[in-house]
């Protein structure tokens, strides 16, 4: 699943750090969401 995240209001000097940190955090959120769905279905 492709997801586009637009990082708003991030100063240019912090953009490389945001570009590095955001994708792994999104992956963790996806995994957590899947786990919660699985638990809820039981």
Protein backbone atom coordinates (compact mmCIF):
# COMPACT_ATOMS: atom_id res chain seq x y z
CA UNK A 1 0.00 0.00 0.00
CA UNK A 2 1.46 3.33 -1.03
CA UNK A 3 1.01 6.30 1.23
CA UNK A 4 2.05 9.87 0.63
CA UNK A 5 2.80 11.95 3.71
CA UNK A 6 3.03 15.67 3.30
CA UNK A 7 5.14 17.18 6.05
CA UNK A 8 3.85 20.70 6.57
CA UNK A 9 5.39 23.53 8.49
CA UNK A 10 8.75 21.79 8.75
CA UNK A 11 11.64 24.23 8.45
CA UNK A 12 14.07 23.37 5.68
CA UNK A 13 16.85 22.62 8.14
CA UNK A 14 14.72 19.88 9.77
CA UNK A 15 13.29 18.37 6.57
CA UNK A 16 16.09 15.75 6.12
CA UNK A 17 15.51 14.55 9.67
CA UNK A 18 11.74 14.37 9.10
CA UNK A 19 12.29 12.49 5.85
CA UNK A 20 14.38 9.97 7.79
CA UNK A 21 12.11 9.57 10.82
CA UNK A 22 8.60 9.66 9.40
CA UNK A 23 8.62 6.48 7.23
CA UNK A 24 9.72 4.11 10.04
CA UNK A 25 7.17 5.69 12.39
CA UNK A 26 4.43 5.17 9.82
CA UNK A 27 5.43 1.53 9.49
CA UNK A 28 5.19 1.08 13.26
CA UNK A 29 1.74 2.67 13.23
CA UNK A 30 0.61 0.33 10.44
CA UNK A 31 1.87 -2.70 12.39
CA UNK A 32 0.14 -1.53 15.55
CA UNK A 33 -3.09 -0.91 13.70
CA UNK A 34 -2.99 -4.39 12.18
CA UNK A 35 -2.36 -5.92 15.60
CA UNK A 36 -5.25 -3.99 17.14
CA UNK A 37 -7.55 -5.11 14.31
CA UNK A 38 -6.48 -8.72 14.84
CA UNK A 39 -7.12 -8.52 18.58
CA UNK A 40 -10.48 -6.83 18.07
CA UNK A 41 -11.62 -9.55 15.66
CA UNK A 42 -10.99 -12.28 18.26
